[in-house]
Amino acid sequence: MKRHSIIEALNWMLAGKPVRREFWQDDEYLRYSEVFFVFQLWGGGEYTELPSLEIGGYDITVVDWVLGTYDPMTGAAKWPEADE
């Protein structure tokens, strides 16, 4: 599974796509809603709206962000396989 920097992750997220840290559960992820103009933190099929996204020093230096896509049939977030 390819890991990405925070810059890549933010660009991906601002395009409306799901992003998570490598150690998060598969159903935990961040996305930016282009409809409501808010960041959303998803977990367990529900989300919390975040009026802003705070990124700390550690988040900037790590390269463990995973970029996902959405399953066209279900709309669920999909993550790359471990060997990709």
C-alpha atoms as a PDB file:
ATOM      1  CA  MET A   1       0.000   0.000   0.000  1.00  0.00           C
ATOM      2  CA  LYS A   2       1.499   3.323  -1.045  1.00  0.00           C
ATOM      3  CA  ARG A   3       1.714   5.937   1.684  1.00  0.00           C
ATOM      4  CA  HIS A   4       1.532   9.653   1.036  1.00  0.00           C
ATOM      5  CA  SER A   5       2.543  12.998   2.531  1.00  0.00           C
ATOM      6  CA  ILE A   6       0.084  15.423   4.102  1.00  0.00           C
ATOM      7  CA  ILE A   7       0.264  17.658   1.012  1.00  0.00           C
ATOM      8  CA  GLU A   8      -0.818  14.793  -1.245  1.00  0.00           C
ATOM      9  CA  ALA A   9      -3.499  13.806   1.262  1.00  0.00           C
ATOM     10  CA  LEU A  10      -4.905  17.341   1.505  1.00  0.00           C
ATOM     11  CA  ASN A  11      -5.056  17.721  -2.270  1.00  0.00           C
ATOM     12  CA  TRP A  12      -6.831  14.364  -2.530  1.00  0.00           C
ATOM     13  CA  MET A  13      -9.242  15.240   0.287  1.00  0.00           C
ATOM     14  CA  LEU A  14     -10.084  18.665  -1.134  1.00  0.00           C
ATOM     15  CA  ALA A  15     -11.075  16.892  -4.355  1.00  0.00           C
ATOM     16  CA  GLY A  16     -13.786  15.148  -2.278  1.00  0.00           C
ATOM     17  CA  LYS A  17     -12.002  11.816  -1.897  1.00  0.00           C
ATOM     18  CA  PRO A  18     -11.451   9.821   1.323  1.00  0.00           C
ATOM     19  CA  VAL A  19      -8.170   9.972   3.248  1.00  0.00           C
ATOM     20  CA  ARG A  20      -7.045   8.138   6.369  1.00  0.00           C
ATOM     21  CA  ARG A  21      -3.944   7.436   8.362  1.00  0.00           C
ATOM     22  CA  GLU A  22      -2.392   3.997   7.859  1.00  0.00           C
ATOM     23  CA  PHE A  23      -3.209   2.873  11.415  1.00  0.00           C
ATOM     24  CA  TRP A  24      -6.890   3.934  11.319  1.00  0.00           C
ATOM     25  CA  GLN A  25      -9.667   1.391  10.844  1.00  0.00           C
ATOM     26  CA  ASP A  26     -10.981   1.038   7.272  1.00  0.00           C
ATOM     27  CA  ASP A  27     -14.262   2.779   8.166  1.00  0.00           C
ATOM     28  CA  GLU A  28     -12.450   5.778   9.730  1.00  0.00           C
ATOM     29  CA  TYR A  29     -11.492   8.508   7.313  1.00  0.00           C
ATOM     30  CA  LEU A  30     -11.583  12.207   6.533  1.00  0.00           C
ATOM     31  CA  ARG A  31     -13.185  13.836   3.533  1.00  0.00           C
ATOM     32  CA  TYR A  32     -14.120  17.310   2.420  1.00  0.00           C
ATOM     33  CA  SER A  33     -17.753  17.813   1.461  1.00  0.00           C
ATOM     34  CA  GLU A  34     -17.911  19.969  -1.646  1.00  0.00           C
ATOM     35  CA  VAL A  35     -21.669  20.246  -1.089  1.00  0.00           C
ATOM     36  CA  PHE A  36     -21.577  21.541   2.502  1.00  0.00           C
ATOM     37  CA  PHE A  37     -18.042  23.047   2.412  1.00  0.00           C
ATOM     38  CA  VAL A  38     -16.953  21.290   5.615  1.00  0.00           C
ATOM     39  CA  PHE A  39     -14.492  18.593   6.553  1.00  0.00           C
ATOM     40  CA  GLN A  40     -16.098  15.377   7.732  1.00  0.00           C
ATOM     41  CA  LEU A  41     -14.634  12.765  10.048  1.00  0.00           C
ATOM     42  CA  TRP A  42     -16.259   9.417   9.241  1.00  0.00           C
ATOM     43  CA  GLY A  43     -16.388   6.385  11.518  1.00  0.00           C
ATOM     44  CA  GLY A  44     -18.869   3.538  11.831  1.00  0.00           C
ATOM     45  CA  GLY A  45     -20.986   4.800   8.938  1.00  0.00           C
ATOM     46  CA  GLU A  46     -21.587   8.187  10.586  1.00  0.00           C
ATOM     47  CA  TYR A  47     -19.723  11.458  10.399  1.00  0.00           C
ATOM     48  CA  THR A  48     -18.969  14.510  12.471  1.00  0.00           C
ATOM     49  CA  GLU A  49     -18.647  17.854  10.742  1.00  0.00           C
ATOM     50  CA  LEU A  50     -15.410  19.667  11.439  1.00  0.00           C
ATOM     51  CA  PRO A  51     -15.568  23.441  10.841  1.00  0.00           C
ATOM     52  CA  SER A  52     -11.812  23.373  10.312  1.00  0.00           C
ATOM     53  CA  LEU A  53      -9.046  20.816  10.083  1.00  0.00           C
ATOM     54  CA  GLU A  54      -6.172  21.208  12.504  1.00  0.00           C
ATOM     55  CA  ILE A  55      -2.899  19.689  11.380  1.00  0.00           C
ATOM     56  CA  GLY A  56      -0.121  19.445  13.954  1.00  0.00           C
ATOM     57  CA  GLY A  57       3.628  19.199  13.524  1.00  0.00           C
ATOM     58  CA  TYR A  58       3.685  15.403  13.706  1.00  0.00           C
ATOM     59  CA  ASP A  59       0.982  15.126  11.009  1.00  0.00           C
ATOM     60  CA  ILE A  60       3.108  17.253   8.671  1.00  0.00           C
ATOM     61  CA  THR A  61       6.229  15.128   9.044  1.00  0.00           C
ATOM     62  CA  VAL A  62       4.770  11.613   8.724  1.00  0.00           C
ATOM     63  CA  VAL A  63       4.239   9.848   5.425  1.00  0.00           C
ATOM     64  CA  ASP A  64       1.523   7.378   6.368  1.00  0.00           C
ATOM     65  CA  TRP A  65      -1.550   8.910   4.768  1.00  0.00           C
ATOM     66  CA  VAL A  66      -3.615   6.520   2.617  1.00  0.00           C
ATOM     67  CA  LEU A  67      -5.639   7.809  -0.337  1.00  0.00           C
ATOM     68  CA  GLY A  68      -8.894   6.037  -1.050  1.00  0.00           C
ATOM     69  CA  THR A  69     -11.652   6.038  -3.619  1.00  0.00           C
ATOM     70  CA  TYR A  70     -15.381   5.434  -3.472  1.00  0.00           C
ATOM     71  CA  ASP A  71     -16.993   2.199  -4.599  1.00  0.00           C
ATOM     72  CA  PRO A  72     -19.286   3.250  -7.477  1.00  0.00           C
ATOM     73  CA  MET A  73     -21.901   0.646  -6.521  1.00  0.00           C
ATOM     74  CA  THR A  74     -22.157   1.287  -2.773  1.00  0.00           C
ATOM     75  CA  GLY A  75     -20.536   4.687  -2.274  1.00  0.00           C
ATOM     76  CA  ALA A  76     -18.375   3.207   0.504  1.00  0.00           C
ATOM     77  CA  ALA A  77     -14.743   4.234   0.872  1.00  0.00           C
ATOM     78  CA  LYS A  78     -12.280   1.749  -0.644  1.00  0.00           C
ATOM     79  CA  TRP A  79      -8.607   1.505   0.228  1.00  0.00           C
ATOM     80  CA  PRO A  80      -5.691   0.139  -1.812  1.00  0.00           C
ATOM     81  CA  GLU A  81      -4.608  -3.402  -1.126  1.00  0.00           C
ATOM     82  CA  ALA A  82      -1.620  -3.957   1.144  1.00  0.00           C
ATOM     83  CA  ASP A  83       0.615  -4.998  -1.757  1.00  0.00           C
ATOM     84  CA  GLU A  84      -0.134  -1.989  -3.994  1.00  0.00           C
END
